[in-house]
């Protein structure tokens, strides 16, 4: 592997994390707010 700093790895890892959790989170929030709509 090429020489990469821990800061750079963490930054790219966070990019992955935010993208994945945004997709999963929006999916679940869609269910949640639909439940709220129907009380």
ModelCIF file with pLDDT and N, C-alpha, C, O atoms, coordinates in Angstrom:
data_MODEL
#
_entry.id   MODEL 
#
_entity.id                         1 
_entity.type                       polymer 
_entity.pdbx_number_of_molecules   1 
#
_entity_poly.entity_id                      1 
_entity_poly.type                           'polypeptide(L)' 
_entity_poly.nstd_linkage                   no 
_entity_poly.nstd_monomer                   no 
_entity_poly.pdbx_seq_one_letter_code       
;(UNK)(UNK)(UNK)(UNK)(UNK)(UNK)(UNK)(UNK)(UNK)(UNK)(UNK)(UNK)(UNK)(UNK)(UNK)(UNK)
(UNK)(UNK)(UNK)(UNK)(UNK)(UNK)(UNK)(UNK)(UNK)(UNK)(UNK)(UNK)(UNK)(UNK)(UNK)(UNK)
(UNK)(UNK)(UNK)(UNK)(UNK)(UNK)(UNK)
;
_entity_poly.pdbx_seq_one_letter_code_can   XXXXXXXXXXXXXXXXXXXXXXXXXXXXXXXXXXXXXXX 
_entity_poly.pdbx_strand_id                 A 
#
loop_
_entity_poly_seq.entity_id 
_entity_poly_seq.num 
_entity_poly_seq.mon_id 
_entity_poly_seq.hetero 
1 1  UNK n 
1 2  UNK n 
1 3  UNK n 
1 4  UNK n 
1 5  UNK n 
1 6  UNK n 
1 7  UNK n 
1 8  UNK n 
1 9  UNK n 
1 10 UNK n 
1 11 UNK n 
1 12 UNK n 
1 13 UNK n 
1 14 UNK n 
1 15 UNK n 
1 16 UNK n 
1 17 UNK n 
1 18 UNK n 
1 19 UNK n 
1 20 UNK n 
1 21 UNK n 
1 22 UNK n 
1 23 UNK n 
1 24 UNK n 
1 25 UNK n 
1 26 UNK n 
1 27 UNK n 
1 28 UNK n 
1 29 UNK n 
1 30 UNK n 
1 31 UNK n 
1 32 UNK n 
1 33 UNK n 
1 34 UNK n 
1 35 UNK n 
1 36 UNK n 
1 37 UNK n 
1 38 UNK n 
1 39 UNK n 
#
_struct_asym.id          A 
_struct_asym.entity_id   1 
#
loop_
_ma_qa_metric.id 
_ma_qa_metric.mode 
_ma_qa_metric.name 
_ma_qa_metric.software_group_id 
_ma_qa_metric.type 
1 global pLDDT . pLDDT 
2 local  pLDDT . pLDDT 
#
_ma_qa_metric_global.metric_id      1 
_ma_qa_metric_global.metric_value   90.44 
_ma_qa_metric_global.model_id       1 
_ma_qa_metric_global.ordinal_id     1 
#
loop_
_ma_qa_metric_local.label_asym_id 
_ma_qa_metric_local.label_comp_id 
_ma_qa_metric_local.label_seq_id 
_ma_qa_metric_local.metric_id 
_ma_qa_metric_local.metric_value 
_ma_qa_metric_local.model_id 
_ma_qa_metric_local.ordinal_id 
A UNK 1  2 77.00 1 1  
A UNK 2  2 81.00 1 2  
A UNK 3  2 82.00 1 3  
A UNK 4  2 84.00 1 4  
A UNK 5  2 86.00 1 5  
A UNK 6  2 86.00 1 6  
A UNK 7  2 90.00 1 7  
A UNK 8  2 88.00 1 8  
A UNK 9  2 88.00 1 9  
A UNK 10 2 90.00 1 10 
A UNK 11 2 91.00 1 11 
A UNK 12 2 89.00 1 12 
A UNK 13 2 89.00 1 13 
A UNK 14 2 91.00 1 14 
A UNK 15 2 89.00 1 15 
A UNK 16 2 89.00 1 16 
A UNK 17 2 91.00 1 17 
A UNK 18 2 91.00 1 18 
A UNK 19 2 90.00 1 19 
A UNK 20 2 90.00 1 20 
A UNK 21 2 93.00 1 21 
A UNK 22 2 92.00 1 22 
A UNK 23 2 90.00 1 23 
A UNK 24 2 91.00 1 24 
A UNK 25 2 93.00 1 25 
A UNK 26 2 93.00 1 26 
A UNK 27 2 92.00 1 27 
A UNK 28 2 93.00 1 28 
A UNK 29 2 95.00 1 29 
A UNK 30 2 94.00 1 30 
A UNK 31 2 94.00 1 31 
A UNK 32 2 95.00 1 32 
A UNK 33 2 95.00 1 33 
A UNK 34 2 95.00 1 34 
A UNK 35 2 95.00 1 35 
A UNK 36 2 94.00 1 36 
A UNK 37 2 94.00 1 37 
A UNK 38 2 94.00 1 38 
A UNK 39 2 93.00 1 39 
#
loop_
_atom_site.group_PDB 
_atom_site.id 
_atom_site.type_symbol 
_atom_site.label_atom_id 
_atom_site.label_alt_id 
_atom_site.label_comp_id 
_atom_site.label_asym_id 
_atom_site.label_entity_id 
_atom_site.label_seq_id 
_atom_site.pdbx_PDB_ins_code 
_atom_site.Cartn_x 
_atom_site.Cartn_y 
_atom_site.Cartn_z 
_atom_site.occupancy 
_atom_site.B_iso_or_equiv 
_atom_site.pdbx_formal_charge 
_atom_site.auth_seq_id 
_atom_site.auth_comp_id 
_atom_site.auth_asym_id 
_atom_site.auth_atom_id 
_atom_site.pdbx_PDB_model_num 
ATOM 1   N N  . UNK A 1 1  ? 0.831   -1.210 0.000  1.00 77.00 ? 1  UNK A N  1 
ATOM 2   C CA . UNK A 1 1  ? 0.000   0.000  0.000  1.00 77.00 ? 1  UNK A CA 1 
ATOM 3   C C  . UNK A 1 1  ? 0.860   1.252  0.000  1.00 77.00 ? 1  UNK A C  1 
ATOM 4   O O  . UNK A 1 1  ? 1.971   1.235  0.530  1.00 77.00 ? 1  UNK A O  1 
ATOM 5   N N  . UNK A 1 2  ? 0.364   2.342  -0.588 1.00 81.00 ? 2  UNK A N  1 
ATOM 6   C CA . UNK A 1 2  ? 1.132   3.593  -0.560 1.00 81.00 ? 2  UNK A CA 1 
ATOM 7   C C  . UNK A 1 2  ? 1.154   4.195  0.837  1.00 81.00 ? 2  UNK A C  1 
ATOM 8   O O  . UNK A 1 2  ? 0.358   3.834  1.704  1.00 81.00 ? 2  UNK A O  1 
ATOM 9   N N  . UNK A 1 3  ? 2.080   5.116  1.030  1.00 82.00 ? 3  UNK A N  1 
ATOM 10  C CA . UNK A 1 3  ? 2.188   5.780  2.326  1.00 82.00 ? 3  UNK A CA 1 
ATOM 11  C C  . UNK A 1 3  ? 1.052   6.800  2.470  1.00 82.00 ? 3  UNK A C  1 
ATOM 12  O O  . UNK A 1 3  ? 1.007   7.792  1.743  1.00 82.00 ? 3  UNK A O  1 
ATOM 13  N N  . UNK A 1 4  ? 0.148   6.552  3.403  1.00 84.00 ? 4  UNK A N  1 
ATOM 14  C CA . UNK A 1 4  ? -0.990  7.436  3.651  1.00 84.00 ? 4  UNK A CA 1 
ATOM 15  C C  . UNK A 1 4  ? -1.048  7.737  5.144  1.00 84.00 ? 4  UNK A C  1 
ATOM 16  O O  . UNK A 1 4  ? -0.921  6.837  5.975  1.00 84.00 ? 4  UNK A O  1 
ATOM 17  N N  . UNK A 1 5  ? -1.237  8.999  5.473  1.00 86.00 ? 5  UNK A N  1 
ATOM 18  C CA . UNK A 1 5  ? -1.304  9.383  6.875  1.00 86.00 ? 5  UNK A CA 1 
ATOM 19  C C  . UNK A 1 5  ? -2.596  8.880  7.500  1.00 86.00 ? 5  UNK A C  1 
ATOM 20  O O  . UNK A 1 5  ? -3.580  8.624  6.806  1.00 86.00 ? 5  UNK A O  1 
ATOM 21  N N  . UNK A 1 6  ? -2.576  8.745  8.822  1.00 86.00 ? 6  UNK A N  1 
ATOM 22  C CA . UNK A 1 6  ? -3.775  8.310  9.543  1.00 86.00 ? 6  UNK A CA 1 
ATOM 23  C C  . UNK A 1 6  ? -4.892  9.339  9.408  1.00 86.00 ? 6  UNK A C  1 
ATOM 24  O O  . UNK A 1 6  ? -6.072  8.986  9.394  1.00 86.00 ? 6  UNK A O  1 
ATOM 25  N N  . UNK A 1 7  ? -4.519  10.601 9.311  1.00 90.00 ? 7  UNK A N  1 
ATOM 26  C CA . UNK A 1 7  ? -5.524  11.657 9.168  1.00 90.00 ? 7  UNK A CA 1 
ATOM 27  C C  . UNK A 1 7  ? -6.261  11.505 7.835  1.00 90.00 ? 7  UNK A C  1 
ATOM 28  O O  . UNK A 1 7  ? -7.484  11.628 7.771  1.00 90.00 ? 7  UNK A O  1 
ATOM 29  N N  . UNK A 1 8  ? -5.505  11.238 6.785  1.00 88.00 ? 8  UNK A N  1 
ATOM 30  C CA . UNK A 1 8  ? -6.125  11.056 5.473  1.00 88.00 ? 8  UNK A CA 1 
ATOM 31  C C  . UNK A 1 8  ? -7.016  9.818  5.447  1.00 88.00 ? 8  UNK A C  1 
ATOM 32  O O  . UNK A 1 8  ? -8.114  9.848  4.891  1.00 88.00 ? 8  UNK A O  1 
ATOM 33  N N  . UNK A 1 9  ? -6.541  8.734  6.050  1.00 88.00 ? 9  UNK A N  1 
ATOM 34  C CA . UNK A 1 9  ? -7.352  7.518  6.107  1.00 88.00 ? 9  UNK A CA 1 
ATOM 35  C C  . UNK A 1 9  ? -8.641  7.755  6.894  1.00 88.00 ? 9  UNK A C  1 
ATOM 36  O O  . UNK A 1 9  ? -9.714  7.304  6.492  1.00 88.00 ? 9  UNK A O  1 
ATOM 37  N N  . UNK A 1 10 ? -8.526  8.468  8.019  1.00 90.00 ? 10 UNK A N  1 
ATOM 38  C CA . UNK A 1 10 ? -9.710  8.744  8.827  1.00 90.00 ? 10 UNK A CA 1 
ATOM 39  C C  . UNK A 1 10 ? -10.693 9.629  8.084  1.00 90.00 ? 10 UNK A C  1 
ATOM 40  O O  . UNK A 1 10 ? -11.903 9.436  8.195  1.00 90.00 ? 10 UNK A O  1 
ATOM 41  N N  . UNK A 1 11 ? -10.190 10.601 7.325  1.00 91.00 ? 11 UNK A N  1 
ATOM 42  C CA . UNK A 1 11 ? -11.064 11.497 6.579  1.00 91.00 ? 11 UNK A CA 1 
ATOM 43  C C  . UNK A 1 11 ? -11.830 10.735 5.498  1.00 91.00 ? 11 UNK A C  1 
ATOM 44  O O  . UNK A 1 11 ? -13.033 10.932 5.327  1.00 91.00 ? 11 UNK A O  1 
ATOM 45  N N  . UNK A 1 12 ? -11.128 9.866  4.770  1.00 89.00 ? 12 UNK A N  1 
ATOM 46  C CA . UNK A 1 12 ? -11.810 9.080  3.742  1.00 89.00 ? 12 UNK A CA 1 
ATOM 47  C C  . UNK A 1 12 ? -12.732 8.034  4.362  1.00 89.00 ? 12 UNK A C  1 
ATOM 48  O O  . UNK A 1 12 ? -13.779 7.711  3.801  1.00 89.00 ? 12 UNK A O  1 
ATOM 49  N N  . UNK A 1 13 ? -12.341 7.510  5.515  1.00 89.00 ? 13 UNK A N  1 
ATOM 50  C CA . UNK A 1 13 ? -13.226 6.593  6.217  1.00 89.00 ? 13 UNK A CA 1 
ATOM 51  C C  . UNK A 1 13 ? -14.497 7.278  6.673  1.00 89.00 ? 13 UNK A C  1 
ATOM 52  O O  . UNK A 1 13 ? -15.576 6.687  6.629  1.00 89.00 ? 13 UNK A O  1 
ATOM 53  N N  . UNK A 1 14 ? -14.376 8.525  7.112  1.00 91.00 ? 14 UNK A N  1 
ATOM 54  C CA . UNK A 1 14 ? -15.553 9.278  7.541  1.00 91.00 ? 14 UNK A CA 1 
ATOM 55  C C  . UNK A 1 14 ? -16.469 9.573  6.364  1.00 91.00 ? 14 UNK A C  1 
ATOM 56  O O  . UNK A 1 14 ? -17.692 9.572  6.511  1.00 91.00 ? 14 UNK A O  1 
ATOM 57  N N  . UNK A 1 15 ? -15.885 9.827  5.190  1.00 89.00 ? 15 UNK A N  1 
ATOM 58  C CA . UNK A 1 15 ? -16.681 10.016 3.974  1.00 89.00 ? 15 UNK A CA 1 
ATOM 59  C C  . UNK A 1 15 ? -17.548 8.783  3.728  1.00 89.00 ? 15 UNK A C  1 
ATOM 60  O O  . UNK A 1 15 ? -18.744 8.899  3.461  1.00 89.00 ? 15 UNK A O  1 
ATOM 61  N N  . UNK A 1 16 ? -16.942 7.619  3.818  1.00 89.00 ? 16 UNK A N  1 
ATOM 62  C CA . UNK A 1 16 ? -17.671 6.368  3.660  1.00 89.00 ? 16 UNK A CA 1 
ATOM 63  C C  . UNK A 1 16 ? -18.771 6.247  4.707  1.00 89.00 ? 16 UNK A C  1 
ATOM 64  O O  . UNK A 1 16 ? -19.901 5.874  4.391  1.00 89.00 ? 16 UNK A O  1 
ATOM 65  N N  . UNK A 1 17 ? -18.434 6.564  5.957  1.00 91.00 ? 17 UNK A N  1 
ATOM 66  C CA . UNK A 1 17 ? -19.383 6.440  7.057  1.00 91.00 ? 17 UNK A CA 1 
ATOM 67  C C  . UNK A 1 17 ? -20.592 7.343  6.858  1.00 91.00 ? 17 UNK A C  1 
ATOM 68  O O  . UNK A 1 17 ? -21.730 6.895  6.992  1.00 91.00 ? 17 UNK A O  1 
ATOM 69  N N  . UNK A 1 18 ? -20.354 8.606  6.540  1.00 91.00 ? 18 UNK A N  1 
ATOM 70  C CA . UNK A 1 18 ? -21.455 9.557  6.386  1.00 91.00 ? 18 UNK A CA 1 
ATOM 71  C C  . UNK A 1 18 ? -22.380 9.143  5.244  1.00 91.00 ? 18 UNK A C  1 
ATOM 72  O O  . UNK A 1 18 ? -23.602 9.232  5.363  1.00 91.00 ? 18 UNK A O  1 
ATOM 73  N N  . UNK A 1 19 ? -21.791 8.693  4.144  1.00 90.00 ? 19 UNK A N  1 
ATOM 74  C CA . UNK A 1 19 ? -22.617 8.288  2.999  1.00 90.00 ? 19 UNK A CA 1 
ATOM 75  C C  . UNK A 1 19 ? -23.483 7.087  3.345  1.00 90.00 ? 19 UNK A C  1 
ATOM 76  O O  . UNK A 1 19 ? -24.684 7.079  3.075  1.00 90.00 ? 19 UNK A O  1 
ATOM 77  N N  . UNK A 1 20 ? -22.869 6.077  3.941  1.00 90.00 ? 20 UNK A N  1 
ATOM 78  C CA . UNK A 1 20 ? -23.617 4.863  4.275  1.00 90.00 ? 20 UNK A CA 1 
ATOM 79  C C  . UNK A 1 20 ? -24.705 5.138  5.300  1.00 90.00 ? 20 UNK A C  1 
ATOM 80  O O  . UNK A 1 20 ? -25.837 4.678  5.145  1.00 90.00 ? 20 UNK A O  1 
ATOM 81  N N  . UNK A 1 21 ? -24.371 5.883  6.345  1.00 93.00 ? 21 UNK A N  1 
ATOM 82  C CA . UNK A 1 21 ? -25.357 6.146  7.389  1.00 93.00 ? 21 UNK A CA 1 
ATOM 83  C C  . UNK A 1 21 ? -26.438 7.109  6.917  1.00 93.00 ? 21 UNK A C  1 
ATOM 84  O O  . UNK A 1 21 ? -27.559 7.073  7.426  1.00 93.00 ? 21 UNK A O  1 
ATOM 85  N N  . UNK A 1 22 ? -26.123 7.965  5.958  1.00 92.00 ? 22 UNK A N  1 
ATOM 86  C CA . UNK A 1 22 ? -27.151 8.840  5.403  1.00 92.00 ? 22 UNK A CA 1 
ATOM 87  C C  . UNK A 1 22 ? -28.205 8.028  4.657  1.00 92.00 ? 22 UNK A C  1 
ATOM 88  O O  . UNK A 1 22 ? -29.401 8.300  4.772  1.00 92.00 ? 22 UNK A O  1 
ATOM 89  N N  . UNK A 1 23 ? -27.758 7.029  3.892  1.00 90.00 ? 23 UNK A N  1 
ATOM 90  C CA . UNK A 1 23 ? -28.707 6.183  3.159  1.00 90.00 ? 23 UNK A CA 1 
ATOM 91  C C  . UNK A 1 23 ? -29.551 5.363  4.130  1.00 90.00 ? 23 UNK A C  1 
ATOM 92  O O  . UNK A 1 23 ? -30.777 5.322  4.021  1.00 90.00 ? 23 UNK A O  1 
ATOM 93  N N  . UNK A 1 24 ? -28.880 4.713  5.080  1.00 91.00 ? 24 UNK A N  1 
ATOM 94  C CA . UNK A 1 24 ? -29.613 3.899  6.052  1.00 91.00 ? 24 UNK A CA 1 
ATOM 95  C C  . UNK A 1 24 ? -30.522 4.757  6.926  1.00 91.00 ? 24 UNK A C  1 
ATOM 96  O O  . UNK A 1 24 ? -31.673 4.403  7.184  1.00 91.00 ? 24 UNK A O  1 
ATOM 97  N N  . UNK A 1 25 ? -29.985 5.894  7.376  1.00 93.00 ? 25 UNK A N  1 
ATOM 98  C CA . UNK A 1 25 ? -30.769 6.754  8.254  1.00 93.00 ? 25 UNK A CA 1 
ATOM 99  C C  . UNK A 1 25 ? -31.990 7.341  7.568  1.00 93.00 ? 25 UNK A C  1 
ATOM 100 O O  . UNK A 1 25 ? -33.069 7.378  8.158  1.00 93.00 ? 25 UNK A O  1 
ATOM 101 N N  . UNK A 1 26 ? -31.840 7.797  6.342  1.00 93.00 ? 26 UNK A N  1 
ATOM 102 C CA . UNK A 1 26 ? -32.997 8.346  5.619  1.00 93.00 ? 26 UNK A CA 1 
ATOM 103 C C  . UNK A 1 26 ? -34.045 7.267  5.372  1.00 93.00 ? 26 UNK A C  1 
ATOM 104 O O  . UNK A 1 26 ? -35.243 7.541  5.425  1.00 93.00 ? 26 UNK A O  1 
ATOM 105 N N  . UNK A 1 27 ? -33.606 6.061  5.108  1.00 92.00 ? 27 UNK A N  1 
ATOM 106 C CA . UNK A 1 27 ? -34.552 4.954  4.930  1.00 92.00 ? 27 UNK A CA 1 
ATOM 107 C C  . UNK A 1 27 ? -35.391 4.766  6.197  1.00 92.00 ? 27 UNK A C  1 
ATOM 108 O O  . UNK A 1 27 ? -36.619 4.702  6.132  1.00 92.00 ? 27 UNK A O  1 
ATOM 109 N N  . UNK A 1 28 ? -34.728 4.681  7.330  1.00 93.00 ? 28 UNK A N  1 
ATOM 110 C CA . UNK A 1 28 ? -35.463 4.458  8.574  1.00 93.00 ? 28 UNK A CA 1 
ATOM 111 C C  . UNK A 1 28 ? -36.295 5.673  8.978  1.00 93.00 ? 28 UNK A C  1 
ATOM 112 O O  . UNK A 1 28 ? -37.386 5.521  9.528  1.00 93.00 ? 28 UNK A O  1 
ATOM 113 N N  . UNK A 1 29 ? -35.793 6.865  8.712  1.00 95.00 ? 29 UNK A N  1 
ATOM 114 C CA . UNK A 1 29 ? -36.574 8.061  9.021  1.00 95.00 ? 29 UNK A CA 1 
ATOM 115 C C  . UNK A 1 29 ? -37.811 8.158  8.134  1.00 95.00 ? 29 UNK A C  1 
ATOM 116 O O  . UNK A 1 29 ? -38.831 8.713  8.544  1.00 95.00 ? 29 UNK A O  1 
ATOM 117 N N  . UNK A 1 30 ? -37.723 7.620  6.922  1.00 94.00 ? 30 UNK A N  1 
ATOM 118 C CA . UNK A 1 30 ? -38.917 7.568  6.084  1.00 94.00 ? 30 UNK A CA 1 
ATOM 119 C C  . UNK A 1 30 ? -40.012 6.749  6.742  1.00 94.00 ? 30 UNK A C  1 
ATOM 120 O O  . UNK A 1 30 ? -41.171 7.163  6.770  1.00 94.00 ? 30 UNK A O  1 
ATOM 121 N N  . UNK A 1 31 ? -39.646 5.580  7.275  1.00 94.00 ? 31 UNK A N  1 
ATOM 122 C CA . UNK A 1 31 ? -40.614 4.777  8.023  1.00 94.00 ? 31 UNK A CA 1 
ATOM 123 C C  . UNK A 1 31 ? -41.108 5.526  9.261  1.00 94.00 ? 31 UNK A C  1 
ATOM 124 O O  . UNK A 1 31 ? -42.302 5.534  9.561  1.00 94.00 ? 31 UNK A O  1 
ATOM 125 N N  . UNK A 1 32 ? -40.173 6.152  9.973  1.00 95.00 ? 32 UNK A N  1 
ATOM 126 C CA . UNK A 1 32 ? -40.509 6.810  11.246 1.00 95.00 ? 32 UNK A CA 1 
ATOM 127 C C  . UNK A 1 32 ? -41.506 7.948  11.034 1.00 95.00 ? 32 UNK A C  1 
ATOM 128 O O  . UNK A 1 32 ? -42.509 8.030  11.743 1.00 95.00 ? 32 UNK A O  1 
ATOM 129 N N  . UNK A 1 33 ? -41.242 8.821  10.072 1.00 95.00 ? 33 UNK A N  1 
ATOM 130 C CA . UNK A 1 33 ? -42.132 9.971  9.869  1.00 95.00 ? 33 UNK A CA 1 
ATOM 131 C C  . UNK A 1 33 ? -43.468 9.546  9.255  1.00 95.00 ? 33 UNK A C  1 
ATOM 132 O O  . UNK A 1 33 ? -44.487 10.206 9.453  1.00 95.00 ? 33 UNK A O  1 
ATOM 133 N N  . UNK A 1 34 ? -43.453 8.449  8.516  1.00 95.00 ? 34 UNK A N  1 
ATOM 134 C CA . UNK A 1 34 ? -44.739 7.926  8.036  1.00 95.00 ? 34 UNK A CA 1 
ATOM 135 C C  . UNK A 1 34 ? -45.566 7.420  9.214  1.00 95.00 ? 34 UNK A C  1 
ATOM 136 O O  . UNK A 1 34 ? -46.783 7.601  9.247  1.00 95.00 ? 34 UNK A O  1 
ATOM 137 N N  . UNK A 1 35 ? -44.906 6.787  10.177 1.00 95.00 ? 35 UNK A N  1 
ATOM 138 C CA . UNK A 1 35 ? -45.620 6.372  11.401 1.00 95.00 ? 35 UNK A CA 1 
ATOM 139 C C  . UNK A 1 35 ? -46.162 7.584  12.145 1.00 95.00 ? 35 UNK A C  1 
ATOM 140 O O  . UNK A 1 35 ? -47.294 7.567  12.630 1.00 95.00 ? 35 UNK A O  1 
ATOM 141 N N  . UNK A 1 36 ? -45.361 8.628  12.235 1.00 94.00 ? 36 UNK A N  1 
ATOM 142 C CA . UNK A 1 36 ? -45.830 9.841  12.906 1.00 94.00 ? 36 UNK A CA 1 
ATOM 143 C C  . UNK A 1 36 ? -47.042 10.437 12.174 1.00 94.00 ? 36 UNK A C  1 
ATOM 144 O O  . UNK A 1 36 ? -47.970 10.942 12.806 1.00 94.00 ? 36 UNK A O  1 
ATOM 145 N N  . UNK A 1 37 ? -47.022 10.374 10.857 1.00 94.00 ? 37 UNK A N  1 
ATOM 146 C CA . UNK A 1 37 ? -48.134 10.926 10.074 1.00 94.00 ? 37 UNK A CA 1 
ATOM 147 C C  . UNK A 1 37 ? -49.438 10.207 10.397 1.00 94.00 ? 37 UNK A C  1 
ATOM 148 O O  . UNK A 1 37 ? -50.499 10.826 10.475 1.00 94.00 ? 37 UNK A O  1 
ATOM 149 N N  . UNK A 1 38 ? -49.345 8.885  10.584 1.00 94.00 ? 38 UNK A N  1 
ATOM 150 C CA . UNK A 1 38 ? -50.540 8.098  10.903 1.00 94.00 ? 38 UNK A CA 1 
ATOM 151 C C  . UNK A 1 38 ? -50.749 7.942  12.411 1.00 94.00 ? 38 UNK A C  1 
ATOM 152 O O  . UNK A 1 38 ? -51.567 7.132  12.846 1.00 94.00 ? 38 UNK A O  1 
ATOM 153 N N  . UNK A 1 39 ? -50.015 8.712  13.200 1.00 93.00 ? 39 UNK A N  1 
ATOM 154 C CA . UNK A 1 39 ? -50.169 8.714  14.659 1.00 93.00 ? 39 UNK A CA 1 
ATOM 155 C C  . UNK A 1 39 ? -49.946 7.321  15.240 1.00 93.00 ? 39 UNK A C  1 
ATOM 156 O O  . UNK A 1 39 ? -50.036 7.137  16.454 1.00 93.00 ? 39 UNK A O  1 
#
